[in-house]
Amino acid sequence: MTTKVALVTGASSGIGEATALKLQEAGYIVYGAARRVPRMQHLTTSGIRPLAMDVTADADMEAGVAKIVAETGRIDVLVNNAGYGSYGAVEDVPMDEARDQFEVNVFGAARLTQLVLPHMRAQRSGTIVNITSMGGKIYTSLGAWYHATKFALEALSDCLRMEVKPFGIDVVVIEPGGVKSEWGDIAAEKVRTVSGTGPYAPQANAVANSLSSEANEGRLSSPDLIAKTIVKAVRARRPKTRYAIGFGAKLMIFLHGVLPNRTFDSFMRRATGVPAS
């Protein structure tokens, strides 16, 4: 049997790192891509092949995919995991930062998808996994740009799924809840920097506190749980279109679906400690 090949972005930590390891354990040839290559050196002992890749740099992505195909002759799985959370009031966030959030969270995933699709079509098989978030279905105060990217990636995935079905290619969306990683602390720092002073300061400080790993201790799932779900999806003959997994994901998505918007607004304000006025 031909050994299948996977590319995982954002592989230097968190979900990406755990996914690269789980796919390698499952028998895949795995390329782990990230900007911080030194942080992936320990993965090489497990047989994972590191790639220097900034998903906002077209040359990096083109070179990475070309290298994989040159070395293995194929690519079977793309896990678009690279991303970060840019929080702050819409009034405060510079438009350059808003664009950067879309460049990393949406356009990087879309460009890599464009680059791998010709090879998957030629094989008549492949799986594209887009890591969105429960934040692609719900919203939080001061998270407009982050949530906008995740909502966009959800829509892109749905359209893409229909486009590539005739070629034997699957598109899977993973919607994690709270996960133990650097993500929350980075997002907390962002919101304090952008809106921690001025008229939105009470909201910003409350949101930052709610995002921090210290505040969420005991309420975060292991990245391994998400990684196991990704491996399950890519190995399934007929994967689900979506997997909501991790702390709070299914509950929060359900509540958003059944509660009126203003009721959900109030619920989210209470959950994050944001003052009502």
C-alpha atoms as a PDB file:
ATOM      1  CA  MET A   1       0.000   0.000   0.000  1.00  0.00           C
ATOM      2  CA  THR A   2       1.142   3.563  -0.752  1.00  0.00           C
ATOM      3  CA  THR A   3       2.025   5.495   2.394  1.00  0.00           C
ATOM      4  CA  LYS A   4      -0.194   8.553   2.639  1.00  0.00           C
ATOM      5  CA  VAL A   5       1.265  12.026   3.072  1.00  0.00           C
ATOM      6  CA  ALA A   6      -0.044  14.827   5.305  1.00  0.00           C
ATOM      7  CA  LEU A   7       0.787  18.514   5.678  1.00  0.00           C
ATOM      8  CA  VAL A   8      -0.089  20.164   9.002  1.00  0.00           C
ATOM      9  CA  THR A   9       0.294  23.927   9.472  1.00  0.00           C
ATOM     10  CA  GLY A  10       0.879  25.593  12.818  1.00  0.00           C
ATOM     11  CA  ALA A  11       2.724  22.445  13.898  1.00  0.00           C
ATOM     12  CA  SER A  12       5.068  24.086  16.398  1.00  0.00           C
ATOM     13  CA  SER A  13       2.586  23.888  19.288  1.00  0.00           C
ATOM     14  CA  GLY A  14      -0.938  23.050  20.427  1.00  0.00           C
ATOM     15  CA  ILE A  15      -3.376  21.325  18.092  1.00  0.00           C
ATOM     16  CA  GLY A  16      -0.957  21.379  15.160  1.00  0.00           C
ATOM     17  CA  GLU A  17       1.842  19.682  17.089  1.00  0.00           C
ATOM     18  CA  ALA A  18      -0.484  17.050  18.538  1.00  0.00           C
ATOM     19  CA  THR A  19      -2.045  16.385  15.113  1.00  0.00           C
ATOM     20  CA  ALA A  20       1.328  15.936  13.440  1.00  0.00           C
ATOM     21  CA  LEU A  21       2.306  13.380  16.073  1.00  0.00           C
ATOM     22  CA  LYS A  22      -0.992  11.471  15.908  1.00  0.00           C
ATOM     23  CA  LEU A  23      -0.920  11.296  12.110  1.00  0.00           C
ATOM     24  CA  GLN A  24       2.654  10.020  12.219  1.00  0.00           C
ATOM     25  CA  GLU A  25       1.606   7.360  14.745  1.00  0.00           C
ATOM     26  CA  ALA A  26      -1.214   6.412  12.368  1.00  0.00           C
ATOM     27  CA  GLY A  27       1.321   5.656   9.630  1.00  0.00           C
ATOM     28  CA  TYR A  28       1.324   8.867   7.586  1.00  0.00           C
ATOM     29  CA  ILE A  29       4.390  10.648   6.270  1.00  0.00           C
ATOM     30  CA  VAL A  30       3.901  13.991   8.018  1.00  0.00           C
ATOM     31  CA  TYR A  31       5.272  17.409   7.146  1.00  0.00           C
ATOM     32  CA  GLY A  32       4.903  19.898  10.004  1.00  0.00           C
ATOM     33  CA  ALA A  33       4.870  23.514   8.866  1.00  0.00           C
ATOM     34  CA  ALA A  34       5.397  26.604  11.016  1.00  0.00           C
ATOM     35  CA  ARG A  35       7.275  29.875  11.155  1.00  0.00           C
ATOM     36  CA  ARG A  36       9.118  28.784  14.308  1.00  0.00           C
ATOM     37  CA  VAL A  37      11.143  25.868  12.938  1.00  0.00           C
ATOM     38  CA  PRO A  38      13.433  25.543  16.016  1.00  0.00           C
ATOM     39  CA  ARG A  39      10.335  24.745  18.076  1.00  0.00           C
ATOM     40  CA  MET A  40       9.668  21.718  15.850  1.00  0.00           C
ATOM     41  CA  GLN A  41      13.089  20.106  16.203  1.00  0.00           C
ATOM     42  CA  HIS A  42      11.835  17.648  18.822  1.00  0.00           C
ATOM     43  CA  LEU A  43       9.241  16.425  16.307  1.00  0.00           C
ATOM     44  CA  THR A  44      11.968  15.164  13.991  1.00  0.00           C
ATOM     45  CA  THR A  45      12.778  12.412  16.509  1.00  0.00           C
ATOM     46  CA  SER A  46       9.292  11.060  15.806  1.00  0.00           C
ATOM     47  CA  GLY A  47       9.948  11.082  12.063  1.00  0.00           C
ATOM     48  CA  ILE A  48       8.043  14.288  11.292  1.00  0.00           C
ATOM     49  CA  ARG A  49       9.575  16.427   8.548  1.00  0.00           C
ATOM     50  CA  PRO A  50       9.732  20.134   9.469  1.00  0.00           C
ATOM     51  CA  LEU A  51       8.953  22.858   6.942  1.00  0.00           C
ATOM     52  CA  ALA A  52       9.618  26.569   7.371  1.00  0.00           C
ATOM     53  CA  MET A  53       6.369  28.184   6.298  1.00  0.00           C
ATOM     54  CA  ASP A  54       4.687  31.514   6.876  1.00  0.00           C
ATOM     55  CA  VAL A  55       1.115  31.131   5.629  1.00  0.00           C
ATOM     56  CA  THR A  56       1.068  34.801   4.656  1.00  0.00           C
ATOM     57  CA  ALA A  57       4.042  34.282   2.294  1.00  0.00           C
ATOM     58  CA  ASP A  58       3.067  32.806  -1.054  1.00  0.00           C
ATOM     59  CA  ALA A  59       6.647  31.777  -1.854  1.00  0.00           C
ATOM     60  CA  ASP A  60       6.860  29.749   1.381  1.00  0.00           C
ATOM     61  CA  MET A  61       3.634  27.886   0.615  1.00  0.00           C
ATOM     62  CA  GLU A  62       4.550  27.187  -3.007  1.00  0.00           C
ATOM     63  CA  ALA A  63       8.006  25.928  -2.022  1.00  0.00           C
ATOM     64  CA  GLY A  64       6.583  23.764   0.762  1.00  0.00           C
ATOM     65  CA  VAL A  65       4.038  21.985  -1.409  1.00  0.00           C
ATOM     66  CA  ALA A  66       6.584  21.566  -4.211  1.00  0.00           C
ATOM     67  CA  LYS A  67       9.045  19.984  -1.758  1.00  0.00           C
ATOM     68  CA  ILE A  68       6.440  17.520  -0.476  1.00  0.00           C
ATOM     69  CA  VAL A  69       5.425  16.438  -3.972  1.00  0.00           C
ATOM     70  CA  ALA A  70       9.061  16.196  -5.129  1.00  0.00           C
ATOM     71  CA  GLU A  71       9.976  13.975  -2.176  1.00  0.00           C
ATOM     72  CA  THR A  72       6.871  11.782  -1.964  1.00  0.00           C
ATOM     73  CA  GLY A  73       5.013  12.169  -5.252  1.00  0.00           C
ATOM     74  CA  ARG A  74       1.700  12.892  -3.556  1.00  0.00           C
ATOM     75  CA  ILE A  75      -0.227  14.736  -0.876  1.00  0.00           C
ATOM     76  CA  ASP A  76      -3.266  13.167   0.754  1.00  0.00           C
ATOM     77  CA  VAL A  77      -4.135  15.342   3.743  1.00  0.00           C
ATOM     78  CA  LEU A  78      -3.942  19.087   4.359  1.00  0.00           C
ATOM     79  CA  VAL A  79      -4.671  20.278   7.898  1.00  0.00           C
ATOM     80  CA  ASN A  80      -5.129  24.057   7.871  1.00  0.00           C
ATOM     81  CA  ASN A  81      -4.472  24.739  11.530  1.00  0.00           C
ATOM     82  CA  ALA A  82      -2.283  27.881  11.570  1.00  0.00           C
ATOM     83  CA  GLY A  83      -4.105  30.787  13.150  1.00  0.00           C
ATOM     84  CA  TYR A  84      -4.330  33.204  16.061  1.00  0.00           C
ATOM     85  CA  GLY A  85      -6.924  35.307  17.864  1.00  0.00           C
ATOM     86  CA  SER A  86      -6.896  39.061  17.366  1.00  0.00           C
ATOM     87  CA  TYR A  87      -9.212  40.653  19.924  1.00  0.00           C
ATOM     88  CA  GLY A  88     -10.145  44.281  20.463  1.00  0.00           C
ATOM     89  CA  ALA A  89     -13.034  46.654  19.849  1.00  0.00           C
ATOM     90  CA  VAL A  90     -13.865  47.187  16.181  1.00  0.00           C
ATOM     91  CA  GLU A  91     -13.309  50.903  16.756  1.00  0.00           C
ATOM     92  CA  ASP A  92      -9.824  50.282  18.137  1.00  0.00           C
ATOM     93  CA  VAL A  93      -8.339  47.528  15.965  1.00  0.00           C
ATOM     94  CA  PRO A  94      -6.160  49.004  13.182  1.00  0.00           C
ATOM     95  CA  MET A  95      -7.280  47.878   9.743  1.00  0.00           C
ATOM     96  CA  ASP A  96      -3.820  46.492   9.032  1.00  0.00           C
ATOM     97  CA  GLU A  97      -4.249  44.146  12.001  1.00  0.00           C
ATOM     98  CA  ALA A  98      -7.724  43.168  10.782  1.00  0.00           C
ATOM     99  CA  ARG A  99      -6.237  42.326   7.380  1.00  0.00           C
ATOM    100  CA  ASP A 100      -3.428  40.329   9.016  1.00  0.00           C
ATOM    101  CA  GLN A 101      -6.023  38.296  10.893  1.00  0.00           C
ATOM    102  CA  PHE A 102      -7.700  37.373   7.606  1.00  0.00           C
ATOM    103  CA  GLU A 103      -4.337  36.732   5.909  1.00  0.00           C
ATOM    104  CA  VAL A 104      -3.380  34.121   8.502  1.00  0.00           C
ATOM    105  CA  ASN A 105      -6.734  32.574   9.401  1.00  0.00           C
ATOM    106  CA  VAL A 106      -8.452  32.570   5.995  1.00  0.00           C
ATOM    107  CA  PHE A 107      -6.288  33.482   3.013  1.00  0.00           C
ATOM    108  CA  GLY A 108      -3.365  31.297   4.093  1.00  0.00           C
ATOM    109  CA  ALA A 109      -5.677  28.287   4.357  1.00  0.00           C
ATOM    110  CA  ALA A 110      -7.301  29.137   1.028  1.00  0.00           C
ATOM    111  CA  ARG A 111      -3.970  29.519  -0.778  1.00  0.00           C
ATOM    112  CA  LEU A 112      -2.597  26.223   0.532  1.00  0.00           C
ATOM    113  CA  THR A 113      -5.836  24.590  -0.537  1.00  0.00           C
ATOM    114  CA  GLN A 114      -5.342  25.976  -4.049  1.00  0.00           C
ATOM    115  CA  LEU A 115      -1.808  24.574  -4.126  1.00  0.00           C
ATOM    116  CA  VAL A 116      -2.670  21.027  -3.019  1.00  0.00           C
ATOM    117  CA  LEU A 117      -5.878  20.583  -5.015  1.00  0.00           C
ATOM    118  CA  PRO A 118      -4.252  19.853  -8.409  1.00  0.00           C
ATOM    119  CA  HIS A 119      -2.362  16.956  -6.827  1.00  0.00           C
ATOM    120  CA  MET A 120      -5.415  15.643  -4.997  1.00  0.00           C
ATOM    121  CA  ARG A 121      -7.506  15.862  -8.162  1.00  0.00           C
ATOM    122  CA  ALA A 122      -4.854  13.900 -10.071  1.00  0.00           C
ATOM    123  CA  GLN A 123      -4.998  11.211  -7.360  1.00  0.00           C
ATOM    124  CA  ARG A 124      -8.802  11.340  -7.282  1.00  0.00           C
ATOM    125  CA  SER A 125      -8.548  11.418  -3.491  1.00  0.00           C
ATOM    126  CA  GLY A 126      -7.607  13.627  -0.570  1.00  0.00           C
ATOM    127  CA  THR A 127      -8.892  15.292   2.589  1.00  0.00           C
ATOM    128  CA  ILE A 128      -8.727  18.972   3.491  1.00  0.00           C
ATOM    129  CA  VAL A 129      -9.242  19.655   7.191  1.00  0.00           C
ATOM    130  CA  ASN A 130      -9.986  23.242   8.197  1.00  0.00           C
ATOM    131  CA  ILE A 131      -9.652  24.054  11.885  1.00  0.00           C
ATOM    132  CA  THR A 132     -12.224  26.704  12.638  1.00  0.00           C
ATOM    133  CA  SER A 133     -13.521  26.866  16.221  1.00  0.00           C
ATOM    134  CA  MET A 134     -16.774  26.938  18.108  1.00  0.00           C
ATOM    135  CA  GLY A 135     -15.984  30.615  17.457  1.00  0.00           C
ATOM    136  CA  GLY A 136     -17.014  29.982  13.861  1.00  0.00           C
ATOM    137  CA  LYS A 137     -20.573  29.483  15.102  1.00  0.00           C
ATOM    138  CA  ILE A 138     -20.795  31.748  18.163  1.00  0.00           C
ATOM    139  CA  TYR A 139     -19.450  35.200  19.074  1.00  0.00           C
ATOM    140  CA  THR A 140     -17.940  37.072  21.999  1.00  0.00           C
ATOM    141  CA  SER A 141     -17.542  40.721  22.899  1.00  0.00           C
ATOM    142  CA  LEU A 142     -14.440  42.325  21.337  1.00  0.00           C
ATOM    143  CA  GLY A 143     -13.806  39.271  19.172  1.00  0.00           C
ATOM    144  CA  ALA A 144     -15.244  40.650  15.934  1.00  0.00           C
ATOM    145  CA  TRP A 145     -12.250  40.141  13.657  1.00  0.00           C
ATOM    146  CA  TYR A 146     -11.342  36.719  15.029  1.00  0.00           C
ATOM    147  CA  HIS A 147     -14.914  35.445  14.744  1.00  0.00           C
ATOM    148  CA  ALA A 148     -15.264  37.003  11.283  1.00  0.00           C
ATOM    149  CA  THR A 149     -12.323  34.890  10.062  1.00  0.00           C
ATOM    150  CA  LYS A 150     -13.711  31.705  11.554  1.00  0.00           C
ATOM    151  CA  PHE A 151     -17.221  32.321  10.163  1.00  0.00           C
ATOM    152  CA  ALA A 152     -15.572  32.953   6.782  1.00  0.00           C
ATOM    153  CA  LEU A 153     -13.576  29.717   6.934  1.00  0.00           C
ATOM    154  CA  GLU A 154     -16.760  27.805   7.751  1.00  0.00           C
ATOM    155  CA  ALA A 155     -18.480  29.201   4.652  1.00  0.00           C
ATOM    156  CA  LEU A 156     -15.428  28.639   2.475  1.00  0.00           C
ATOM    157  CA  SER A 157     -15.322  25.011   3.636  1.00  0.00           C
ATOM    158  CA  ASP A 158     -18.977  24.399   2.775  1.00  0.00           C
ATOM    159  CA  CYS A 159     -18.593  25.776  -0.744  1.00  0.00           C
ATOM    160  CA  LEU A 160     -15.312  23.947  -1.261  1.00  0.00           C
ATOM    161  CA  ARG A 161     -16.851  20.649  -0.131  1.00  0.00           C
ATOM    162  CA  MET A 162     -19.390  20.818  -2.950  1.00  0.00           C
ATOM    163  CA  GLU A 163     -16.808  21.904  -5.534  1.00  0.00           C
ATOM    164  CA  VAL A 164     -14.354  19.058  -4.934  1.00  0.00           C
ATOM    165  CA  LYS A 165     -16.758  16.186  -4.270  1.00  0.00           C
ATOM    166  CA  PRO A 166     -16.690  15.037  -7.943  1.00  0.00           C
ATOM    167  CA  PHE A 167     -12.923  14.508  -7.602  1.00  0.00           C
ATOM    168  CA  GLY A 168     -13.118  12.208  -4.588  1.00  0.00           C
ATOM    169  CA  ILE A 169     -11.870  14.889  -2.179  1.00  0.00           C
ATOM    170  CA  ASP A 170     -13.380  15.416   1.279  1.00  0.00           C
ATOM    171  CA  VAL A 171     -13.532  18.693   3.208  1.00  0.00           C
ATOM    172  CA  VAL A 172     -13.860  18.465   6.983  1.00  0.00           C
ATOM    173  CA  VAL A 173     -14.385  21.255   9.510  1.00  0.00           C
ATOM    174  CA  ILE A 174     -13.103  20.841  13.066  1.00  0.00           C
ATOM    175  CA  GLU A 175     -14.740  23.148  15.636  1.00  0.00           C
ATOM    176  CA  PRO A 176     -12.709  22.982  18.871  1.00  0.00           C
ATOM    177  CA  GLY A 177     -13.922  24.372  22.154  1.00  0.00           C
ATOM    178  CA  GLY A 178     -11.508  25.429  24.863  1.00  0.00           C
ATOM    179  CA  VAL A 179      -8.088  23.832  24.322  1.00  0.00           C
ATOM    180  CA  LYS A 180      -4.892  23.948  26.386  1.00  0.00           C
ATOM    181  CA  SER A 181      -2.525  26.030  24.262  1.00  0.00           C
ATOM    182  CA  GLU A 182      -0.877  29.441  23.943  1.00  0.00           C
ATOM    183  CA  TRP A 183      -3.916  30.749  22.090  1.00  0.00           C
ATOM    184  CA  GLY A 184      -5.873  32.159  25.042  1.00  0.00           C
ATOM    185  CA  ASP A 185      -2.968  34.019  26.605  1.00  0.00           C
ATOM    186  CA  ILE A 186      -1.961  35.505  23.244  1.00  0.00           C
ATOM    187  CA  ALA A 187      -5.545  36.658  22.609  1.00  0.00           C
ATOM    188  CA  ALA A 188      -5.740  38.105  26.143  1.00  0.00           C
ATOM    189  CA  GLU A 189      -2.562  40.100  25.572  1.00  0.00           C
ATOM    190  CA  LYS A 190      -3.911  41.364  22.244  1.00  0.00           C
ATOM    191  CA  VAL A 191      -7.160  42.677  23.713  1.00  0.00           C
ATOM    192  CA  ARG A 192      -5.389  44.404  26.605  1.00  0.00           C
ATOM    193  CA  THR A 193      -2.952  46.070  24.220  1.00  0.00           C
ATOM    194  CA  VAL A 194      -5.631  47.251  21.801  1.00  0.00           C
ATOM    195  CA  SER A 195      -8.559  48.165  24.070  1.00  0.00           C
ATOM    196  CA  GLY A 196      -7.213  47.944  27.625  1.00  0.00           C
ATOM    197  CA  THR A 197      -7.470  51.721  28.033  1.00  0.00           C
ATOM    198  CA  GLY A 198     -10.172  54.089  26.854  1.00  0.00           C
ATOM    199  CA  PRO A 199     -13.934  53.610  26.586  1.00  0.00           C
ATOM    200  CA  TYR A 200     -13.788  49.827  26.027  1.00  0.00           C
ATOM    201  CA  ALA A 201     -11.400  49.133  28.905  1.00  0.00           C
ATOM    202  CA  PRO A 202     -13.985  47.508  31.242  1.00  0.00           C
ATOM    203  CA  GLN A 203     -14.988  45.056  28.505  1.00  0.00           C
ATOM    204  CA  ALA A 204     -11.387  44.494  27.412  1.00  0.00           C
ATOM    205  CA  ASN A 205     -10.128  43.652  30.875  1.00  0.00           C
ATOM    206  CA  ALA A 206     -13.047  41.309  31.523  1.00  0.00           C
ATOM    207  CA  VAL A 207     -12.553  39.530  28.185  1.00  0.00           C
ATOM    208  CA  ALA A 208      -8.788  39.279  28.741  1.00  0.00           C
ATOM    209  CA  ASN A 209      -9.340  37.714  32.151  1.00  0.00           C
ATOM    210  CA  SER A 210     -11.828  35.226  30.703  1.00  0.00           C
ATOM    211  CA  LEU A 211      -9.395  34.220  27.921  1.00  0.00           C
ATOM    212  CA  SER A 212      -6.346  33.615  30.116  1.00  0.00           C
ATOM    213  CA  SER A 213      -5.183  30.063  30.773  1.00  0.00           C
ATOM    214  CA  GLU A 214      -5.256  30.768  34.517  1.00  0.00           C
ATOM    215  CA  ALA A 215      -8.962  31.638  34.419  1.00  0.00           C
ATOM    216  CA  ASN A 216      -9.742  28.540  32.344  1.00  0.00           C
ATOM    217  CA  GLU A 217      -7.766  26.009  34.363  1.00  0.00           C
ATOM    218  CA  GLY A 218      -9.780  22.796  34.462  1.00  0.00           C
ATOM    219  CA  ARG A 219     -12.018  23.927  31.593  1.00  0.00           C
ATOM    220  CA  LEU A 220      -9.678  23.256  28.701  1.00  0.00           C
ATOM    221  CA  SER A 221      -9.340  20.056  26.688  1.00  0.00           C
ATOM    222  CA  SER A 222      -6.037  18.489  25.706  1.00  0.00           C
ATOM    223  CA  PRO A 223      -4.843  19.142  22.139  1.00  0.00           C
ATOM    224  CA  ASP A 224      -4.548  15.345  21.869  1.00  0.00           C
ATOM    225  CA  LEU A 225      -8.354  15.076  22.007  1.00  0.00           C
ATOM    226  CA  ILE A 226      -8.676  17.337  18.970  1.00  0.00           C
ATOM    227  CA  ALA A 227      -5.825  15.536  17.199  1.00  0.00           C
ATOM    228  CA  LYS A 228      -7.462  12.132  17.696  1.00  0.00           C
ATOM    229  CA  THR A 229     -10.663  13.483  16.155  1.00  0.00           C
ATOM    230  CA  ILE A 230      -8.730  14.814  13.152  1.00  0.00           C
ATOM    231  CA  VAL A 231      -7.065  11.423  12.606  1.00  0.00           C
ATOM    232  CA  LYS A 232     -10.453   9.729  12.910  1.00  0.00           C
ATOM    233  CA  ALA A 233     -11.890  12.090  10.293  1.00  0.00           C
ATOM    234  CA  VAL A 234      -9.107  11.671   7.742  1.00  0.00           C
ATOM    235  CA  ARG A 235      -9.177   7.888   8.072  1.00  0.00           C
ATOM    236  CA  ALA A 236     -12.975   7.645   7.735  1.00  0.00           C
ATOM    237  CA  ARG A 237     -14.345   6.411   4.438  1.00  0.00           C
ATOM    238  CA  ARG A 238     -17.179   8.923   4.754  1.00  0.00           C
ATOM    239  CA  PRO A 239     -16.202  11.568   7.322  1.00  0.00           C
ATOM    240  CA  LYS A 240     -18.683  13.939   8.888  1.00  0.00           C
ATOM    241  CA  THR A 241     -18.660  17.441   7.453  1.00  0.00           C
ATOM    242  CA  ARG A 242     -18.143  18.886  10.966  1.00  0.00           C
ATOM    243  CA  TYR A 243     -16.787  17.751  14.302  1.00  0.00           C
ATOM    244  CA  ALA A 244     -17.488  19.954  17.342  1.00  0.00           C
ATOM    245  CA  ILE A 245     -15.036  18.718  19.964  1.00  0.00           C
ATOM    246  CA  GLY A 246     -13.413  19.944  23.158  1.00  0.00           C
ATOM    247  CA  PHE A 247     -14.629  21.750  26.248  1.00  0.00           C
ATOM    248  CA  GLY A 248     -17.932  23.563  25.734  1.00  0.00           C
ATOM    249  CA  ALA A 249     -18.046  23.266  21.942  1.00  0.00           C
ATOM    250  CA  LYS A 250     -21.256  21.286  21.482  1.00  0.00           C
ATOM    251  CA  LEU A 251     -23.076  23.095  24.302  1.00  0.00           C
ATOM    252  CA  MET A 252     -22.153  26.592  23.150  1.00  0.00           C
ATOM    253  CA  ILE A 253     -23.054  25.898  19.521  1.00  0.00           C
ATOM    254  CA  PHE A 254     -26.355  24.405  20.662  1.00  0.00           C
ATOM    255  CA  LEU A 255     -27.189  27.396  22.865  1.00  0.00           C
ATOM    256  CA  HIS A 256     -26.407  29.821  20.058  1.00  0.00           C
ATOM    257  CA  GLY A 257     -28.782  27.884  17.825  1.00  0.00           C
ATOM    258  CA  VAL A 258     -31.735  27.860  20.215  1.00  0.00           C
ATOM    259  CA  LEU A 259     -31.485  31.135  22.137  1.00  0.00           C
ATOM    260  CA  PRO A 260     -32.672  34.477  20.742  1.00  0.00           C
ATOM    261  CA  ASN A 261     -29.731  36.731  19.868  1.00  0.00           C
ATOM    262  CA  ARG A 262     -30.218  39.183  22.737  1.00  0.00           C
ATOM    263  CA  THR A 263     -30.579  36.337  25.230  1.00  0.00           C
ATOM    264  CA  PHE A 264     -27.353  34.822  23.924  1.00  0.00           C
ATOM    265  CA  ASP A 265     -25.714  38.265  24.157  1.00  0.00           C
ATOM    266  CA  SER A 266     -26.629  38.433  27.855  1.00  0.00           C
ATOM    267  CA  PHE A 267     -25.435  34.878  28.433  1.00  0.00           C
ATOM    268  CA  MET A 268     -22.051  35.620  26.844  1.00  0.00           C
ATOM    269  CA  ARG A 269     -21.639  38.852  28.813  1.00  0.00           C
ATOM    270  CA  ARG A 270     -22.227  36.967  32.063  1.00  0.00           C
ATOM    271  CA  ALA A 271     -19.934  34.113  30.993  1.00  0.00           C
ATOM    272  CA  THR A 272     -17.039  36.486  30.271  1.00  0.00           C
ATOM    273  CA  GLY A 273     -17.712  38.962  33.085  1.00  0.00           C
ATOM    274  CA  VAL A 274     -18.382  41.817  30.680  1.00  0.00           C
ATOM    275  CA  PRO A 275     -20.420  44.619  32.314  1.00  0.00           C
ATOM    276  CA  ALA A 276     -23.831  45.179  30.761  1.00  0.00           C
ATOM    277  CA  SER A 277     -23.351  48.954  30.711  1.00  0.00           C
END
